Amino acid sequence: MKSPCVAVDVSKGKSYYQGFIEIDKPANKATPIEHDLEGFKFVYELGQTLKETYSDVVYVFESTGIYHKALETFLMNHDEKCIILNPLEASKIRKTDLRSTKTDARDCKGIAKAYFMKDFRLHDQKDELYEKLQSMNGHYNFLIQQLREMKVHFRNALDIVYPRFDVVYPNPYLDIPMSILKRYAHPDELKNKRFETIVKYIMKDTKHRGPKAMDEAKKLKGFIDNVSSGCRSSAFEVTILKTMVNKISDQEVEIELCLDEMRELVSEVPLYHQLMSVPGIGDNLAIRLIGELGDLDRFERSEQLVAYAGIDPRVYQSGQMTGEHLHITKKGNKHLRTLLFLAMSSNVRIGKTNIILDFYNKKRQQTNPLVYKAALIACANKLLRIIFGMYKSGKNFHK
């Protein structure tokens, strides 16, 4: 027999809580609380009251984005047992009722019913590790998006101030071009500098020495002598260029620090080293995949993991008609789907023979071939199943 529970229907700023001794035996009426210390104490005290009669109690609530975090932290700080449900779980149970009315008060009963009808893992420190990794990966994605926007702004200003700079440096984000732009934000500033001065500053600002610095200085002098800037040195585009150069450098440092912290967290996770054995998955991708995959112990079958990623096929069958090459459901973790797509793109681009690449070629060459993206998604599905098998067996990827 399961322990009694305190079911909490969490929403923004306000929640309902209700105790249940058994599935149809509530301990009190559903009661609203505010998301503050006083409100959480009411939930906690109900649990303590139940503990006076029963041996144990479990607090059960849904994962609601960011809104459940305050309650989760409060209960974990008090060393209480918690189960955090996937909202779909409670929804499925609620829909089994003859009348699946959804109200804040009735949702507590649906959450409790899910708890009593199915077995769920208790939320523990391992879950907190994966939650932290997922939050950090979200922040990493945010920093990357900011960097992309900065680079667009930077390139617009660069094309005005230094026309055709990309002919000399196709990748202007390397150390030498960035160091030059930091010192000389307009061509007129660089034209007045002696060749030896440019060589000295290249050696000072970068790790390059001797012949390399001289070659770069010659290349720059040849470009500068013939460049015609699109603005004067007093133009605002020059200020924008200076600002973007510094911001891009700072952003890249912050991104690397974020990745280093994530790397430190996953270094002791066996799956990290297993993922590194898969062609197309490097250090960066392995770290971020673990953040989005989370604890794979919560999945009993590989099909559940595939559904979590939202790359399971949408089934449409009616009579004798069965859909083929249907779209995926996309009812899952979109960030995980993106990372899997990147992994498969890298695998195909590398072209190193392995079972996933063979599967990709088979899908592209079959009688009714899949287009490029559809084939990659099919391979992502297969990759997830392989990852699940690797995790359960403790073995690395086999070609």
Protein backbone atom coordinates (compact mmCIF):
# COMPACT_ATOMS: atom_id res chain seq x y z
CA MET A 1 0.00 0.00 0.00
CA LYS A 2 1.33 3.41 -0.95
CA SER A 3 2.01 6.20 1.51
CA PRO A 4 -0.43 9.11 1.68
CA CYS A 5 0.39 12.08 -0.52
CA VAL A 6 -0.05 15.81 -0.65
CA ALA A 7 -1.03 16.71 -4.23
CA VAL A 8 -0.27 20.24 -5.39
CA ASP A 9 -1.63 21.75 -8.59
CA VAL A 10 0.98 24.36 -9.41
CA SER A 11 0.34 27.46 -11.47
CA LYS A 12 1.90 30.91 -11.70
CA GLY A 13 1.99 32.56 -8.28
CA LYS A 14 -0.89 30.53 -6.86
CA SER A 15 -1.54 26.82 -6.32
CA TYR A 16 -4.08 24.40 -4.83
CA TYR A 17 -3.05 21.64 -2.42
CA GLN A 18 -4.91 18.65 -1.00
CA GLY A 19 -3.93 15.61 1.05
CA PHE A 20 -4.96 12.08 0.08
CA ILE A 21 -4.78 9.02 2.32
CA GLU A 22 -5.96 6.77 -0.51
CA ILE A 23 -7.01 7.34 -4.08
CA ASP A 24 -10.61 8.20 -3.13
CA LYS A 25 -10.00 9.26 0.45
CA PRO A 26 -9.04 12.94 0.67
CA ALA A 27 -7.70 14.30 3.95
CA ASN A 28 -8.97 17.83 3.34
CA LYS A 29 -10.56 20.03 0.69
CA ALA A 30 -8.49 21.52 -2.12
CA THR A 31 -7.14 24.78 -0.71
CA PRO A 32 -5.49 27.69 -2.55
CA ILE A 33 -2.13 29.12 -1.44
CA GLU A 34 0.13 31.92 -2.63
CA HIS A 35 3.68 31.11 -3.74
CA ASP A 36 5.38 32.51 -0.69
CA LEU A 37 6.89 31.15 2.53
CA GLU A 38 3.57 31.26 4.37
CA GLY A 39 1.77 29.37 1.59
CA PHE A 40 4.41 26.65 1.36
CA LYS A 41 4.31 26.20 5.14
CA PHE A 42 0.61 25.28 4.87
CA VAL A 43 1.54 22.50 2.40
CA TYR A 44 4.39 21.33 4.62
CA GLU A 45 2.27 21.32 7.79
CA LEU A 46 -0.40 19.19 6.11
CA GLY A 47 2.29 16.64 5.34
CA GLN A 48 3.53 16.69 8.92
CA THR A 49 -0.02 16.17 10.19
CA LEU A 50 -0.40 13.10 7.97
CA LYS A 51 2.94 11.77 9.22
CA GLU A 52 1.58 11.76 12.79
CA THR A 53 -0.87 9.02 11.79
CA TYR A 54 0.90 7.38 8.87
CA SER A 55 4.53 6.33 8.54
CA ASP A 56 5.38 8.51 5.58
CA VAL A 57 4.05 11.05 3.10
CA VAL A 58 5.01 12.07 -0.43
CA TYR A 59 4.50 15.49 -2.02
CA VAL A 60 3.35 15.17 -5.63
CA PHE A 61 3.12 17.95 -8.21
CA GLU A 62 3.57 18.52 -11.94
CA SER A 63 6.60 19.96 -13.69
CA THR A 64 5.28 23.33 -14.85
CA GLY A 65 8.25 25.00 -16.46
CA ILE A 66 9.61 27.45 -13.89
CA TYR A 67 6.58 27.80 -11.61
CA HIS A 68 7.14 24.63 -9.57
CA LYS A 69 10.77 25.47 -8.77
CA ALA A 70 10.06 27.50 -5.63
CA LEU A 71 7.92 24.70 -4.13
CA GLU A 72 10.48 22.07 -5.13
CA THR A 73 13.33 23.98 -3.48
CA PHE A 74 11.31 24.57 -0.30
CA LEU A 75 10.46 20.87 0.09
CA MET A 76 13.97 19.66 -0.79
CA ASN A 77 15.42 22.05 1.82
CA HIS A 78 13.14 20.35 4.37
CA ASP A 79 14.31 16.87 3.21
CA GLU A 80 10.82 15.88 2.10
CA LYS A 81 10.09 13.18 -0.46
CA CYS A 82 8.88 14.61 -3.76
CA ILE A 83 7.59 13.19 -7.02
CA ILE A 84 7.55 15.60 -9.95
CA LEU A 85 5.15 14.40 -12.64
CA ASN A 86 5.29 14.98 -16.33
CA PRO A 87 2.09 17.00 -17.00
CA LEU A 88 1.08 14.42 -19.63
CA GLU A 89 0.93 11.71 -16.96
CA ALA A 90 -1.70 13.49 -14.88
CA SER A 91 -3.55 14.52 -18.03
CA LYS A 92 -3.83 10.91 -19.24
CA ILE A 93 -5.17 9.77 -15.86
CA ARG A 94 -7.66 12.63 -15.71
CA LYS A 95 -8.98 11.77 -19.17
CA THR A 96 -9.83 8.25 -18.02
CA ASP A 97 -12.65 9.74 -15.92
CA LEU A 98 -16.11 9.67 -17.41
CA ARG A 99 -16.22 13.45 -17.13
CA SER A 100 -12.71 14.81 -17.35
CA THR A 101 -13.56 18.28 -16.09
CA LYS A 102 -10.46 20.40 -15.54
CA THR A 103 -10.54 22.86 -12.66
CA ASP A 104 -7.81 23.95 -10.26
CA ALA A 105 -9.51 22.13 -7.37
CA ARG A 106 -10.14 18.92 -9.32
CA ASP A 107 -6.55 18.86 -10.66
CA CYS A 108 -5.29 17.92 -7.19
CA LYS A 109 -7.39 14.76 -7.39
CA GLY A 110 -6.02 13.98 -10.87
CA ILE A 111 -2.44 14.36 -9.62
CA ALA A 112 -3.14 12.13 -6.61
CA LYS A 113 -4.83 9.57 -8.84
CA ALA A 114 -1.75 9.43 -11.08
CA TYR A 115 0.43 8.88 -7.99
CA PHE A 116 -1.70 6.01 -6.62
CA MET A 117 -2.23 4.30 -9.99
CA LYS A 118 1.36 4.27 -11.25
CA ASP A 119 4.86 3.93 -9.81
CA PHE A 120 7.10 6.98 -10.03
CA ARG A 121 10.68 7.64 -9.00
CA LEU A 122 11.33 10.01 -6.14
CA HIS A 123 13.03 13.25 -7.03
CA ASP A 124 16.65 13.09 -5.83
CA GLN A 125 20.05 14.80 -6.08
CA LYS A 126 20.77 13.05 -9.39
CA ASP A 127 17.69 14.74 -10.83
CA GLU A 128 19.02 18.08 -9.57
CA LEU A 129 22.29 17.48 -11.44
CA TYR A 130 20.47 16.90 -14.72
CA GLU A 131 18.15 19.85 -14.10
CA LYS A 132 21.18 22.06 -13.55
CA LEU A 133 22.77 20.79 -16.76
CA GLN A 134 19.56 21.44 -18.69
CA SER A 135 19.32 24.97 -17.30
CA MET A 136 22.96 25.61 -18.17
CA ASN A 137 22.41 24.29 -21.69
CA GLY A 138 19.47 26.66 -22.03
CA HIS A 139 21.73 29.51 -20.96
CA TYR A 140 24.41 28.29 -23.38
CA ASN A 141 21.86 28.38 -26.23
CA PHE A 142 20.87 31.90 -25.17
CA LEU A 143 24.51 33.05 -25.24
CA ILE A 144 25.02 31.47 -28.68
CA GLN A 145 21.93 33.24 -30.03
CA GLN A 146 23.19 36.55 -28.65
CA LEU A 147 26.58 35.92 -30.28
CA ARG A 148 24.92 35.30 -33.66
CA GLU A 149 23.08 38.61 -33.42
CA MET A 150 26.28 40.41 -32.40
CA LYS A 151 28.11 38.95 -35.39
CA VAL A 152 25.40 40.15 -37.79
CA HIS A 153 25.68 43.67 -36.34
CA PHE A 154 29.49 43.41 -36.47
CA ARG A 155 29.59 42.32 -40.12
CA ASN A 156 27.29 45.16 -41.16
CA ALA A 157 29.59 47.73 -39.55
CA LEU A 158 32.73 45.98 -40.83
CA ASP A 159 31.54 46.05 -44.45
CA ILE A 160 31.06 49.82 -44.16
CA VAL A 161 34.26 50.69 -42.29
CA TYR A 162 36.56 48.10 -43.88
CA PRO A 163 35.11 47.16 -47.30
CA ARG A 164 36.41 43.81 -48.65
CA PHE A 165 38.05 42.95 -45.32
CA ASP A 166 36.65 39.44 -45.75
CA VAL A 167 38.82 38.99 -48.87
CA VAL A 168 41.91 39.23 -46.67
CA TYR A 169 40.34 37.44 -43.71
CA PRO A 170 37.40 35.20 -44.71
CA ASN A 171 37.01 34.46 -40.99
CA PRO A 172 37.35 37.83 -39.25
CA TYR A 173 36.82 36.27 -35.81
CA LEU A 174 40.32 34.76 -35.66
CA ASP A 175 42.85 36.21 -33.24
CA ILE A 176 44.85 38.34 -35.69
CA PRO A 177 41.98 40.19 -37.46
CA MET A 178 40.19 40.74 -34.14
CA SER A 179 43.33 42.13 -32.50
CA ILE A 180 43.88 44.50 -35.45
CA LEU A 181 40.27 45.74 -35.34
CA LYS A 182 40.50 46.31 -31.59
CA ARG A 183 43.49 48.61 -32.07
CA TYR A 184 42.53 50.22 -35.37
CA ALA A 185 38.79 50.63 -35.78
CA HIS A 186 39.22 52.66 -39.02
CA PRO A 187 41.61 52.16 -41.99
CA ASP A 188 43.02 55.68 -41.60
CA GLU A 189 44.42 54.72 -38.20
CA LEU A 190 46.19 51.73 -39.71
CA LYS A 191 47.51 53.57 -42.77
CA ASN A 192 49.64 55.83 -40.58
CA LYS A 193 51.36 52.94 -38.80
CA ARG A 194 54.79 51.67 -39.76
CA PHE A 195 55.23 48.07 -40.88
CA GLU A 196 57.40 47.28 -37.83
CA THR A 197 54.74 48.68 -35.47
CA ILE A 198 52.07 46.41 -36.92
CA VAL A 199 54.39 43.39 -36.57
CA LYS A 200 55.11 44.34 -32.95
CA TYR A 201 51.42 44.62 -32.05
CA ILE A 202 50.52 41.35 -33.77
CA MET A 203 53.18 39.59 -31.72
CA LYS A 204 52.04 41.37 -28.55
CA ASP A 205 48.30 40.69 -28.94
CA THR A 206 48.50 37.13 -30.26
CA LYS A 207 50.62 34.01 -29.84
CA HIS A 208 52.13 34.40 -33.31
CA ARG A 209 55.82 35.16 -33.60
CA GLY A 210 58.48 36.11 -36.16
CA PRO A 211 57.77 35.11 -39.79
CA LYS A 212 54.03 34.59 -39.23
CA ALA A 213 53.59 38.09 -37.77
CA MET A 214 55.58 39.62 -40.65
CA ASP A 215 53.52 37.77 -43.28
CA GLU A 216 50.30 38.98 -41.69
CA ALA A 217 51.61 42.55 -41.49
CA LYS A 218 52.52 42.51 -45.20
CA LYS A 219 49.09 41.20 -46.08
CA LEU A 220 47.44 43.93 -44.03
CA LYS A 221 49.62 46.73 -45.49
CA GLY A 222 48.82 45.59 -49.02
CA PHE A 223 45.10 45.66 -48.21
CA ILE A 224 45.14 48.97 -46.34
CA ASP A 225 47.06 50.83 -49.06
CA ASN A 226 44.21 50.13 -51.48
CA VAL A 227 41.11 50.19 -49.25
CA SER A 228 38.48 52.92 -49.51
CA SER A 229 36.40 53.14 -46.36
CA GLY A 230 32.67 53.73 -46.54
CA CYS A 231 32.76 56.27 -43.71
CA ARG A 232 34.97 58.78 -41.93
CA SER A 233 36.81 57.92 -38.75
CA SER A 234 34.31 60.04 -36.77
CA ALA A 235 31.27 58.10 -38.06
CA PHE A 236 29.08 56.17 -35.63
CA GLU A 237 29.72 52.93 -37.57
CA VAL A 238 33.29 53.05 -36.23
CA THR A 239 31.95 53.19 -32.67
CA ILE A 240 29.65 50.25 -33.43
CA LEU A 241 32.58 48.27 -34.83
CA LYS A 242 34.69 48.92 -31.72
CA THR A 243 31.83 47.95 -29.42
CA MET A 244 30.99 44.76 -31.30
CA VAL A 245 34.61 43.59 -31.43
CA ASN A 246 34.87 43.85 -27.63
CA LYS A 247 31.43 42.34 -27.02
CA ILE A 248 32.10 39.38 -29.30
CA SER A 249 35.37 38.65 -27.50
CA ASP A 250 33.70 38.86 -24.08
CA GLN A 251 30.75 36.72 -25.25
CA GLU A 252 33.05 33.99 -26.55
CA VAL A 253 34.83 33.89 -23.19
CA GLU A 254 31.51 33.61 -21.32
CA ILE A 255 30.35 30.81 -23.64
CA GLU A 256 33.57 28.89 -23.05
CA LEU A 257 33.28 29.34 -19.27
CA CYS A 258 29.70 28.02 -19.36
CA LEU A 259 30.80 24.99 -21.38
CA ASP A 260 33.75 24.36 -19.03
CA GLU A 261 31.41 24.33 -16.02
CA MET A 262 29.08 21.89 -17.79
CA ARG A 263 32.06 19.72 -18.74
CA GLU A 264 33.11 19.54 -15.09
CA LEU A 265 29.61 18.40 -14.08
CA VAL A 266 29.40 15.61 -16.71
CA SER A 267 32.99 14.37 -16.36
CA GLU A 268 31.88 11.70 -13.85
CA VAL A 269 28.79 10.68 -15.84
CA PRO A 270 29.54 7.41 -17.73
CA LEU A 271 27.19 8.33 -20.60
CA TYR A 272 29.40 11.34 -21.44
CA HIS A 273 32.32 9.08 -22.38
CA GLN A 274 29.97 6.65 -24.16
CA LEU A 275 28.56 9.43 -26.33
CA MET A 276 32.07 10.51 -27.28
CA SER A 277 32.52 7.10 -28.94
CA VAL A 278 29.71 7.83 -31.42
CA PRO A 279 30.93 9.23 -34.80
CA GLY A 280 29.71 12.81 -35.21
CA ILE A 281 29.45 13.50 -31.47
CA GLY A 282 32.31 15.52 -30.03
CA ASP A 283 32.94 17.03 -26.61
CA ASN A 284 30.57 20.00 -27.02
CA LEU A 285 27.69 17.94 -28.38
CA ALA A 286 28.11 15.16 -25.80
CA ILE A 287 27.95 17.64 -22.93
CA ARG A 288 24.81 19.33 -24.23
CA LEU A 289 23.11 16.04 -25.12
CA ILE A 290 23.42 14.83 -21.53
CA GLY A 291 21.85 18.08 -20.35
CA GLU A 292 18.79 17.48 -22.55
CA LEU A 293 18.59 13.69 -22.21
CA GLY A 294 18.60 13.82 -18.42
CA ASP A 295 18.55 10.67 -16.30
CA LEU A 296 17.75 7.78 -18.64
CA ASP A 297 16.71 5.61 -15.69
CA ARG A 298 13.32 7.29 -15.87
CA PHE A 299 12.64 5.52 -19.18
CA GLU A 300 11.73 1.83 -19.21
CA ARG A 301 11.88 1.43 -23.00
CA SER A 302 13.67 3.16 -25.85
CA GLU A 303 10.28 4.08 -27.37
CA GLN A 304 9.64 6.32 -24.36
CA LEU A 305 12.92 8.15 -24.95
CA VAL A 306 12.07 8.59 -28.64
CA ALA A 307 8.67 10.01 -27.68
CA TYR A 308 10.35 12.35 -25.15
CA ALA A 309 12.42 13.77 -28.00
CA GLY A 310 9.29 14.10 -30.17
CA ILE A 311 10.75 12.20 -33.12
CA ASP A 312 8.27 9.35 -33.03
CA PRO A 313 6.13 9.19 -36.22
CA ARG A 314 2.61 10.57 -36.14
CA VAL A 315 0.35 7.60 -36.86
CA TYR A 316 -2.71 8.07 -39.05
CA GLN A 317 -4.60 4.94 -39.97
CA SER A 318 -8.14 4.62 -41.26
CA GLY A 319 -9.54 1.36 -42.61
CA GLN A 320 -7.18 0.06 -45.28
CA MET A 321 -5.23 3.32 -45.45
CA THR A 322 -1.96 3.51 -43.55
CA GLY A 323 0.16 6.66 -43.71
CA GLU A 324 3.75 6.30 -44.91
CA HIS A 325 6.63 8.73 -44.40
CA LEU A 326 4.50 10.67 -41.92
CA HIS A 327 5.74 13.73 -40.04
CA ILE A 328 7.13 13.34 -36.54
CA THR A 329 4.96 14.38 -33.59
CA LYS A 330 7.31 17.14 -32.32
CA LYS A 331 5.59 16.74 -28.93
CA GLY A 332 8.83 16.59 -27.02
CA ASN A 333 12.11 18.29 -26.21
CA LYS A 334 12.88 20.55 -29.18
CA HIS A 335 16.42 21.28 -27.95
CA LEU A 336 17.17 17.55 -27.86
CA ARG A 337 15.84 17.20 -31.42
CA THR A 338 18.15 19.99 -32.57
CA LEU A 339 21.20 18.35 -30.99
CA LEU A 340 20.34 14.96 -32.48
CA PHE A 341 19.97 16.56 -35.91
CA LEU A 342 23.41 18.18 -35.50
CA ALA A 343 24.90 14.84 -34.47
CA MET A 344 23.47 13.09 -37.52
CA SER A 345 24.55 15.90 -39.87
CA SER A 346 28.11 15.58 -38.53
CA ASN A 347 28.02 11.80 -38.86
CA VAL A 348 26.99 12.01 -42.51
CA ARG A 349 29.47 14.79 -43.26
CA ILE A 350 32.38 12.84 -41.73
CA GLY A 351 31.45 9.84 -43.88
CA LYS A 352 33.17 7.33 -41.61
CA THR A 353 31.57 3.90 -42.04
CA ASN A 354 29.31 2.92 -39.14
CA ILE A 355 25.87 1.37 -38.65
CA ILE A 356 24.11 4.75 -38.47
CA LEU A 357 25.66 5.98 -41.72
CA ASP A 358 24.75 2.67 -43.36
CA PHE A 359 21.17 3.17 -42.18
CA TYR A 360 21.18 6.71 -43.62
CA ASN A 361 22.41 5.44 -47.02
CA LYS A 362 19.77 2.71 -46.97
CA LYS A 363 16.99 5.26 -46.36
CA ARG A 364 18.30 7.50 -49.17
CA GLN A 365 18.58 4.66 -51.68
CA GLN A 366 15.47 2.61 -50.97
CA THR A 367 12.68 2.18 -53.55
CA ASN A 368 10.79 5.13 -52.10
CA PRO A 369 13.79 7.21 -50.89
CA LEU A 370 13.60 9.73 -48.08
CA VAL A 371 14.73 13.30 -48.64
CA TYR A 372 17.86 14.46 -46.81
CA LYS A 373 16.17 15.89 -43.70
CA ALA A 374 13.71 13.02 -43.36
CA ALA A 375 16.58 10.53 -43.56
CA LEU A 376 18.46 12.40 -40.84
CA ILE A 377 15.40 12.32 -38.58
CA ALA A 378 15.04 8.57 -39.16
CA CYS A 379 18.71 8.20 -38.20
CA ALA A 380 18.18 10.39 -35.11
CA ASN A 381 15.45 7.96 -34.05
CA LYS A 382 17.89 5.07 -34.48
CA LEU A 383 20.65 6.98 -32.65
CA LEU A 384 18.40 7.53 -29.63
CA ARG A 385 17.67 3.80 -29.45
CA ILE A 386 21.40 3.07 -29.67
CA ILE A 387 22.14 5.61 -26.90
CA PHE A 388 19.49 3.97 -24.70
CA GLY A 389 21.04 0.54 -25.34
CA MET A 390 24.55 1.88 -24.60
CA TYR A 391 23.31 3.35 -21.32
CA LYS A 392 21.61 0.14 -20.18
CA SER A 393 24.52 -2.09 -21.19
CA GLY A 394 27.32 0.24 -20.11
CA LYS A 395 29.09 -0.34 -23.44
CA ASN A 396 30.50 2.13 -25.97
CA PHE A 397 29.30 2.53 -29.54
CA HIS A 398 30.08 -0.34 -31.90
CA LYS A 399 30.54 0.36 -35.59
